[in-house]
Amino acid sequence: VKPGTQTDTRIRLKGKGVPSLRNKNVRGDH
């Protein structure tokens, strides 16, 4: 977490989402 982070700050965890039905190696984000 960066210093001075405000509440309701949204961060992205890349590649931690749901896999694609067409290619399970391709995932969304969290």
PDB file of all heavy atoms in Angstrom:
ATOM      1  N   VAL A   1       0.844  -1.191   0.000  1.00  0.00           N
ATOM      2  CA  VAL A   1       0.000   0.000   0.000  1.00  0.00           C
ATOM      3  C   VAL A   1       0.881   1.243   0.000  1.00  0.00           C
ATOM      4  O   VAL A   1       1.844   1.336   0.774  1.00  0.00           O
ATOM      5  CB  VAL A   1      -0.933   0.010   1.228  1.00  0.00           C
ATOM      6  CG1 VAL A   1      -1.741   1.308   1.277  1.00  0.00           C
ATOM      7  CG2 VAL A   1      -1.867  -1.182   1.187  1.00  0.00           C
ATOM      8  N   LYS A   2       0.547   2.201  -0.844  1.00  0.00           N
ATOM      9  CA  LYS A   2       1.322   3.439  -0.918  1.00  0.00           C
ATOM     10  C   LYS A   2       0.975   4.353   0.259  1.00  0.00           C
ATOM     11  O   LYS A   2      -0.165   4.374   0.718  1.00  0.00           O
ATOM     12  CB  LYS A   2       1.028   4.173  -2.224  1.00  0.00           C
ATOM     13  CG  LYS A   2       1.461   3.399  -3.465  1.00  0.00           C
ATOM     14  CD  LYS A   2       1.117   4.191  -4.715  1.00  0.00           C
ATOM     15  CE  LYS A   2       1.542   3.422  -5.969  1.00  0.00           C
ATOM     16  NZ  LYS A   2       1.200   4.171  -7.208  1.00  0.00           N
ATOM     17  N   PRO A   3       1.951   5.129   0.777  1.00  0.00           N
ATOM     18  CA  PRO A   3       1.660   6.091   1.853  1.00  0.00           C
ATOM     19  C   PRO A   3       0.613   7.109   1.403  1.00  0.00           C
ATOM     20  O   PRO A   3       0.620   7.564   0.263  1.00  0.00           O
ATOM     21  CB  PRO A   3       3.013   6.751   2.105  1.00  0.00           C
ATOM     22  CG  PRO A   3       4.022   5.771   1.601  1.00  0.00           C
ATOM     23  CD  PRO A   3       3.387   5.094   0.445  1.00  0.00           C
ATOM     24  N   GLY A   4      -0.285   7.459   2.310  1.00  0.00           N
ATOM     25  CA  GLY A   4      -1.308   8.448   1.999  1.00  0.00           C
ATOM     26  C   GLY A   4      -2.491   7.886   1.214  1.00  0.00           C
ATOM     27  O   GLY A   4      -3.259   8.647   0.616  1.00  0.00           O
ATOM     28  N   THR A   5      -2.658   6.570   1.235  1.00  0.00           N
ATOM     29  CA  THR A   5      -3.786   5.956   0.519  1.00  0.00           C
ATOM     30  C   THR A   5      -5.104   6.360   1.170  1.00  0.00           C
ATOM     31  O   THR A   5      -5.275   6.257   2.385  1.00  0.00           O
ATOM     32  CB  THR A   5      -3.648   4.419   0.519  1.00  0.00           C
ATOM     33  OG1 THR A   5      -2.484   4.057  -0.218  1.00  0.00           O
ATOM     34  CG2 THR A   5      -4.864   3.767  -0.121  1.00  0.00           C
ATOM     35  N   GLN A   6      -6.034   6.805   0.357  1.00  0.00           N
ATOM     36  CA  GLN A   6      -7.340   7.229   0.855  1.00  0.00           C
ATOM     37  C   GLN A   6      -8.314   6.051   0.822  1.00  0.00           C
ATOM     38  O   GLN A   6      -8.159   5.091   0.066  1.00  0.00           O
ATOM     39  CB  GLN A   6      -7.888   8.376   0.004  1.00  0.00           C
ATOM     40  CG  GLN A   6      -6.989   9.603  -0.044  1.00  0.00           C
ATOM     41  CD  GLN A   6      -6.817  10.232   1.329  1.00  0.00           C
ATOM     42  OE1 GLN A   6      -7.798  10.499   2.025  1.00  0.00           O
ATOM     43  NE2 GLN A   6      -5.568  10.475   1.717  1.00  0.00           N
ATOM     44  N   THR A   7      -9.339   6.132   1.664  1.00  0.00           N
ATOM     45  CA  THR A   7     -10.355   5.087   1.659  1.00  0.00           C
ATOM     46  C   THR A   7     -11.082   5.066   0.325  1.00  0.00           C
ATOM     47  O   THR A   7     -11.197   6.089  -0.349  1.00  0.00           O
ATOM     48  CB  THR A   7     -11.358   5.285   2.812  1.00  0.00           C
ATOM     49  OG1 THR A   7     -12.169   4.101   2.938  1.00  0.00           O
ATOM     50  CG2 THR A   7     -12.255   6.484   2.570  1.00  0.00           C
ATOM     51  N   ASP A   8     -11.562   3.897  -0.095  1.00  0.00           N
ATOM     52  CA  ASP A   8     -12.240   3.655  -1.376  1.00  0.00           C
ATOM     53  C   ASP A   8     -11.282   3.721  -2.566  1.00  0.00           C
ATOM     54  O   ASP A   8     -11.729   3.824  -3.716  1.00  0.00           O
ATOM     55  CB  ASP A   8     -13.406   4.620  -1.603  1.00  0.00           C
ATOM     56  CG  ASP A   8     -14.559   4.370  -0.641  1.00  0.00           C
ATOM     57  OD1 ASP A   8     -14.678   3.237  -0.149  1.00  0.00           O
ATOM     58  OD2 ASP A   8     -15.332   5.305  -0.383  1.00  0.00           O
ATOM     59  N   THR A   9      -9.985   3.660  -2.297  1.00  0.00           N
ATOM     60  CA  THR A   9      -9.030   3.555  -3.398  1.00  0.00           C
ATOM     61  C   THR A   9      -9.129   2.160  -4.013  1.00  0.00           C
ATOM     62  O   THR A   9      -9.130   1.156  -3.303  1.00  0.00           O
ATOM     63  CB  THR A   9      -7.592   3.795  -2.897  1.00  0.00           C
ATOM     64  OG1 THR A   9      -7.487   5.137  -2.392  1.00  0.00           O
ATOM     65  CG2 THR A   9      -6.580   3.592  -4.013  1.00  0.00           C
ATOM     66  N   ARG A  10      -9.235   2.088  -5.337  1.00  0.00           N
ATOM     67  CA  ARG A  10      -9.345   0.793  -6.017  1.00  0.00           C
ATOM     68  C   ARG A  10      -8.012   0.406  -6.642  1.00  0.00           C
ATOM     69  O   ARG A  10      -7.394   1.202  -7.352  1.00  0.00           O
ATOM     70  CB  ARG A  10     -10.427   0.841  -7.097  1.00  0.00           C
ATOM     71  CG  ARG A  10     -10.537  -0.449  -7.907  1.00  0.00           C
ATOM     72  CD  ARG A  10     -11.676  -0.406  -8.914  1.00  0.00           C
ATOM     73  NE  ARG A  10     -12.966  -0.525  -8.248  1.00  0.00           N
ATOM     74  CZ  ARG A  10     -14.124  -0.597  -8.903  1.00  0.00           C
ATOM     75  NH1 ARG A  10     -14.133  -0.554 -10.233  1.00  0.00           N
ATOM     76  NH2 ARG A  10     -15.244  -0.709  -8.226  1.00  0.00           N
ATOM     77  N   ILE A  11      -7.602  -0.815  -6.384  1.00  0.00           N
ATOM     78  CA  ILE A  11      -6.368  -1.339  -6.958  1.00  0.00           C
ATOM     79  C   ILE A  11      -6.703  -2.536  -7.854  1.00  0.00           C
ATOM     80  O   ILE A  11      -7.773  -3.134  -7.740  1.00  0.00           O
ATOM     81  CB  ILE A  11      -5.369  -1.763  -5.860  1.00  0.00           C
ATOM     82  CG1 ILE A  11      -5.968  -2.903  -5.024  1.00  0.00           C
ATOM     83  CG2 ILE A  11      -4.987  -0.575  -4.995  1.00  0.00           C
ATOM     84  CD1 ILE A  11      -4.993  -3.481  -4.015  1.00  0.00           C
ATOM     85  N   ARG A  12      -5.800  -2.873  -8.765  1.00  0.00           N
ATOM     86  CA  ARG A  12      -6.025  -3.987  -9.682  1.00  0.00           C
ATOM     87  C   ARG A  12      -4.962  -5.056  -9.488  1.00  0.00           C
ATOM     88  O   ARG A  12      -3.759  -4.761  -9.512  1.00  0.00           O
ATOM     89  CB  ARG A  12      -6.005  -3.508 -11.128  1.00  0.00           C
ATOM     90  CG  ARG A  12      -6.306  -4.632 -12.126  1.00  0.00           C
ATOM     91  CD  ARG A  12      -6.340  -4.140 -13.549  1.00  0.00           C
ATOM     92  NE  ARG A  12      -5.001  -3.837 -14.049  1.00  0.00           N
ATOM     93  CZ  ARG A  12      -4.675  -3.766 -15.344  1.00  0.00           C
ATOM     94  NH1 ARG A  12      -5.603  -3.975 -16.266  1.00  0.00           N
ATOM     95  NH2 ARG A  12      -3.443  -3.464 -15.714  1.00  0.00           N
ATOM     96  N   LEU A  13      -5.433  -6.283  -9.298  1.00  0.00           N
ATOM     97  CA  LEU A  13      -4.542  -7.438  -9.250  1.00  0.00           C
ATOM     98  C   LEU A  13      -4.659  -8.140 -10.594  1.00  0.00           C
ATOM     99  O   LEU A  13      -5.614  -8.877 -10.847  1.00  0.00           O
ATOM    100  CB  LEU A  13      -4.929  -8.374  -8.097  1.00  0.00           C
ATOM    101  CG  LEU A  13      -4.963  -7.732  -6.704  1.00  0.00           C
ATOM    102  CD1 LEU A  13      -5.404  -8.748  -5.660  1.00  0.00           C
ATOM    103  CD2 LEU A  13      -3.601  -7.144  -6.341  1.00  0.00           C
ATOM    104  N   LYS A  14      -3.707  -7.905 -11.457  1.00  0.00           N
ATOM    105  CA  LYS A  14      -3.783  -8.383 -12.832  1.00  0.00           C
ATOM    106  C   LYS A  14      -3.709  -9.907 -12.901  1.00  0.00           C
ATOM    107  O   LYS A  14      -2.893 -10.535 -12.237  1.00  0.00           O
ATOM    108  CB  LYS A  14      -2.651  -7.767 -13.647  1.00  0.00           C
ATOM    109  CG  LYS A  14      -2.818  -7.955 -15.152  1.00  0.00           C
ATOM    110  CD  LYS A  14      -1.768  -7.172 -15.910  1.00  0.00           C
ATOM    111  CE  LYS A  14      -1.954  -7.327 -17.416  1.00  0.00           C
ATOM    112  NZ  LYS A  14      -0.925  -6.574 -18.169  1.00  0.00           N
ATOM    113  N   GLY A  15      -4.593 -10.492 -13.709  1.00  0.00           N
ATOM    114  CA  GLY A  15      -4.578 -11.933 -13.920  1.00  0.00           C
ATOM    115  C   GLY A  15      -5.111 -12.757 -12.769  1.00  0.00           C
ATOM    116  O   GLY A  15      -4.911 -13.974 -12.736  1.00  0.00           O
ATOM    117  N   LYS A  16      -5.819 -12.120 -11.826  1.00  0.00           N
ATOM    118  CA  LYS A  16      -6.386 -12.845 -10.681  1.00  0.00           C
ATOM    119  C   LYS A  16      -7.908 -12.976 -10.792  1.00  0.00           C
ATOM    120  O   LYS A  16      -8.574 -13.281  -9.806  1.00  0.00           O
ATOM    121  CB  LYS A  16      -6.019 -12.126  -9.377  1.00  0.00           C
ATOM    122  CG  LYS A  16      -4.532 -12.140  -9.047  1.00  0.00           C
ATOM    123  CD  LYS A  16      -4.043 -13.555  -8.795  1.00  0.00           C
ATOM    124  CE  LYS A  16      -2.575 -13.576  -8.411  1.00  0.00           C
ATOM    125  NZ  LYS A  16      -2.092 -14.960  -8.181  1.00  0.00           N
ATOM    126  N   GLY A  17      -8.419 -12.779 -12.010  1.00  0.00           N
ATOM    127  CA  GLY A  17      -9.857 -12.873 -12.212  1.00  0.00           C
ATOM    128  C   GLY A  17     -10.281 -14.244 -12.712  1.00  0.00           C
ATOM    129  O   GLY A  17      -9.674 -15.275 -12.392  1.00  0.00           O
ATOM    130  N   VAL A  18     -11.342 -14.266 -13.526  1.00  0.00           N
ATOM    131  CA  VAL A  18     -11.950 -15.510 -14.012  1.00  0.00           C
ATOM    132  C   VAL A  18     -11.350 -15.881 -15.362  1.00  0.00           C
ATOM    133  O   VAL A  18     -11.169 -15.014 -16.219  1.00  0.00           O
ATOM    134  CB  VAL A  18     -13.480 -15.325 -14.138  1.00  0.00           C
ATOM    135  CG1 VAL A  18     -14.140 -16.609 -14.644  1.00  0.00           C
ATOM    136  CG2 VAL A  18     -14.067 -14.914 -12.796  1.00  0.00           C
ATOM    137  N   PRO A  19     -11.053 -17.161 -15.587  1.00  0.00           N
ATOM    138  CA  PRO A  19     -10.515 -17.585 -16.884  1.00  0.00           C
ATOM    139  C   PRO A  19     -11.561 -17.448 -17.992  1.00  0.00           C
ATOM    140  O   PRO A  19     -12.773 -17.508 -17.750  1.00  0.00           O
ATOM    141  CB  PRO A  19     -10.150 -19.059 -16.670  1.00  0.00           C
ATOM    142  CG  PRO A  19     -10.113 -19.243 -15.194  1.00  0.00           C
ATOM    143  CD  PRO A  19     -11.086 -18.270 -14.622  1.00  0.00           C
ATOM    144  N   SER A  20     -11.083 -17.300 -19.219  1.00  0.00           N
ATOM    145  CA  SER A  20     -11.963 -17.268 -20.375  1.00  0.00           C
ATOM    146  C   SER A  20     -12.440 -18.680 -20.700  1.00  0.00           C
ATOM    147  O   SER A  20     -11.677 -19.646 -20.576  1.00  0.00           O
ATOM    148  CB  SER A  20     -11.227 -16.671 -21.588  1.00  0.00           C
ATOM    149  OG  SER A  20     -11.967 -16.860 -22.778  1.00  0.00           O
ATOM    150  N   LEU A  21     -13.704 -18.793 -21.109  1.00  0.00           N
ATOM    151  CA  LEU A  21     -14.226 -20.105 -21.498  1.00  0.00           C
ATOM    152  C   LEU A  21     -13.514 -20.645 -22.723  1.00  0.00           C
ATOM    153  O   LEU A  21     -13.388 -21.860 -22.897  1.00  0.00           O
ATOM    154  CB  LEU A  21     -15.736 -20.009 -21.769  1.00  0.00           C
ATOM    155  CG  LEU A  21     -16.658 -20.077 -20.548  1.00  0.00           C
ATOM    156  CD1 LEU A  21     -18.099 -19.779 -20.966  1.00  0.00           C
ATOM    157  CD2 LEU A  21     -16.580 -21.437 -19.880  1.00  0.00           C
ATOM    158  N   ARG A  22     -13.046 -19.756 -23.582  1.00  0.00           N
ATOM    159  CA  ARG A  22     -12.365 -20.188 -24.804  1.00  0.00           C
ATOM    160  C   ARG A  22     -10.914 -20.589 -24.536  1.00  0.00           C
ATOM    161  O   ARG A  22     -10.373 -21.461 -25.211  1.00  0.00           O
ATOM    162  CB  ARG A  22     -12.403 -19.074 -25.858  1.00  0.00           C
ATOM    163  CG  ARG A  22     -13.799 -18.755 -26.348  1.00  0.00           C
ATOM    164  CD  ARG A  22     -13.754 -17.716 -27.455  1.00  0.00           C
ATOM    165  NE  ARG A  22     -15.079 -17.457 -28.001  1.00  0.00           N
ATOM    166  CZ  ARG A  22     -15.921 -16.573 -27.532  1.00  0.00           C
ATOM    167  NH1 ARG A  22     -15.581 -15.843 -26.476  1.00  0.00           N
ATOM    168  NH2 ARG A  22     -17.104 -16.387 -28.087  1.00  0.00           N
ATOM    169  N   ASN A  23     -10.291 -19.936 -23.566  1.00  0.00           N
ATOM    170  CA  ASN A  23      -8.894 -20.229 -23.256  1.00  0.00           C
ATOM    171  C   ASN A  23      -8.689 -20.012 -21.758  1.00  0.00           C
ATOM    172  O   ASN A  23      -8.639 -18.881 -21.291  1.00  0.00           O
ATOM    173  CB  ASN A  23      -7.961 -19.319 -24.067  1.00  0.00           C
ATOM    174  CG  ASN A  23      -6.490 -19.663 -23.858  1.00  0.00           C
ATOM    175  OD1 ASN A  23      -6.138 -20.542 -23.071  1.00  0.00           O
ATOM    176  ND2 ASN A  23      -5.619 -18.955 -24.573  1.00  0.00           N
ATOM    177  N   LYS A  24      -8.574 -21.117 -21.005  1.00  0.00           N
ATOM    178  CA  LYS A  24      -8.471 -21.000 -19.555  1.00  0.00           C
ATOM    179  C   LYS A  24      -7.175 -20.340 -19.096  1.00  0.00           C
ATOM    180  O   LYS A  24      -7.052 -19.956 -17.926  1.00  0.00           O
ATOM    181  CB  LYS A  24      -8.623 -22.373 -18.908  1.00  0.00           C
ATOM    182  CG  LYS A  24      -7.508 -23.348 -19.241  1.00  0.00           C
ATOM    183  CD  LYS A  24      -7.741 -24.671 -18.540  1.00  0.00           C
ATOM    184  CE  LYS A  24      -6.621 -25.671 -18.833  1.00  0.00           C
ATOM    185  NZ  LYS A  24      -6.851 -26.958 -18.141  1.00  0.00           N
ATOM    186  N   ASN A  25      -6.198 -20.200 -20.011  1.00  0.00           N
ATOM    187  CA  ASN A  25      -4.943 -19.531 -19.652  1.00  0.00           C
ATOM    188  C   ASN A  25      -5.068 -18.014 -19.692  1.00  0.00           C
ATOM    189  O   ASN A  25      -4.165 -17.308 -19.239  1.00  0.00           O
ATOM    190  CB  ASN A  25      -3.827 -19.985 -20.600  1.00  0.00           C
ATOM    191  CG  ASN A  25      -3.506 -21.460 -20.439  1.00  0.00           C
ATOM    192  OD1 ASN A  25      -3.492 -21.989 -19.324  1.00  0.00           O
ATOM    193  ND2 ASN A  25      -3.252 -22.145 -21.548  1.00  0.00           N
ATOM    194  N   VAL A  26      -6.157 -17.528 -20.253  1.00  0.00           N
ATOM    195  CA  VAL A  26      -6.417 -16.078 -20.296  1.00  0.00           C
ATOM    196  C   VAL A  26      -7.400 -15.746 -19.182  1.00  0.00           C
ATOM    197  O   VAL A  26      -8.527 -16.249 -19.164  1.00  0.00           O
ATOM    198  CB  VAL A  26      -6.986 -15.658 -21.665  1.00  0.00           C
ATOM    199  CG1 VAL A  26      -7.300 -14.168 -21.666  1.00  0.00           C
ATOM    200  CG2 VAL A  26      -6.018 -16.002 -22.777  1.00  0.00           C
ATOM    201  N   ARG A  27      -6.984 -14.891 -18.254  1.00  0.00           N
ATOM    202  CA  ARG A  27      -7.817 -14.570 -17.100  1.00  0.00           C
ATOM    203  C   ARG A  27      -8.077 -13.074 -17.005  1.00  0.00           C
ATOM    204  O   ARG A  27      -7.274 -12.252 -17.471  1.00  0.00           O
ATOM    205  CB  ARG A  27      -7.167 -15.059 -15.807  1.00  0.00           C
ATOM    206  CG  ARG A  27      -7.033 -16.563 -15.717  1.00  0.00           C
ATOM    207  CD  ARG A  27      -6.393 -17.000 -14.421  1.00  0.00           C
ATOM    208  NE  ARG A  27      -7.175 -16.603 -13.249  1.00  0.00           N
ATOM    209  CZ  ARG A  27      -6.859 -16.961 -12.000  1.00  0.00           C
ATOM    210  NH1 ARG A  27      -5.783 -17.725 -11.784  1.00  0.00           N
ATOM    211  NH2 ARG A  27      -7.615 -16.569 -10.991  1.00  0.00           N
ATOM    212  N   GLY A  28      -9.199 -12.747 -16.377  1.00  0.00           N
ATOM    213  CA  GLY A  28      -9.518 -11.358 -16.105  1.00  0.00           C
ATOM    214  C   GLY A  28      -8.724 -10.856 -14.908  1.00  0.00           C
ATOM    215  O   GLY A  28      -7.767 -11.492 -14.457  1.00  0.00           O
ATOM    216  N   ASP A  29      -9.138  -9.720 -14.363  1.00  0.00           N
ATOM    217  CA  ASP A  29      -8.428  -9.094 -13.241  1.00  0.00           C
ATOM    218  C   ASP A  29      -9.299  -9.093 -11.992  1.00  0.00           C
ATOM    219  O   ASP A  29     -10.517  -9.289 -12.052  1.00  0.00           O
ATOM    220  CB  ASP A  29      -8.030  -7.659 -13.602  1.00  0.00           C
ATOM    221  CG  ASP A  29      -7.137  -7.603 -14.836  1.00  0.00           C
ATOM    222  OD1 ASP A  29      -6.333  -8.547 -15.021  1.00  0.00           O
ATOM    223  OD2 ASP A  29      -7.258  -6.643 -15.614  1.00  0.00           O
ATOM    224  N   HIS A  30      -8.644  -8.852 -10.868  1.00  0.00           N
ATOM    225  CA  HIS A  30      -9.339  -8.745  -9.581  1.00  0.00           C
ATOM    226  C   HIS A  30      -9.185  -7.308  -9.092  1.00  0.00           C
ATOM    227  O   HIS A  30      -8.068  -6.839  -8.847  1.00  0.00           O
ATOM    228  CB  HIS A  30      -8.728  -9.724  -8.573  1.00  0.00           C
ATOM    229  CG  HIS A  30      -9.471  -9.773  -7.266  1.00  0.00           C
ATOM    230  ND1 HIS A  30      -9.310 -10.787  -6.358  1.00  0.00           N
ATOM    231  CD2 HIS A  30     -10.380  -8.935  -6.705  1.00  0.00           C
ATOM    232  CE1 HIS A  30     -10.087 -10.569  -5.305  1.00  0.00           C
ATOM    233  NE2 HIS A  30     -10.727  -9.440  -5.504  1.00  0.00           N
TER     234      HIS A  30
END
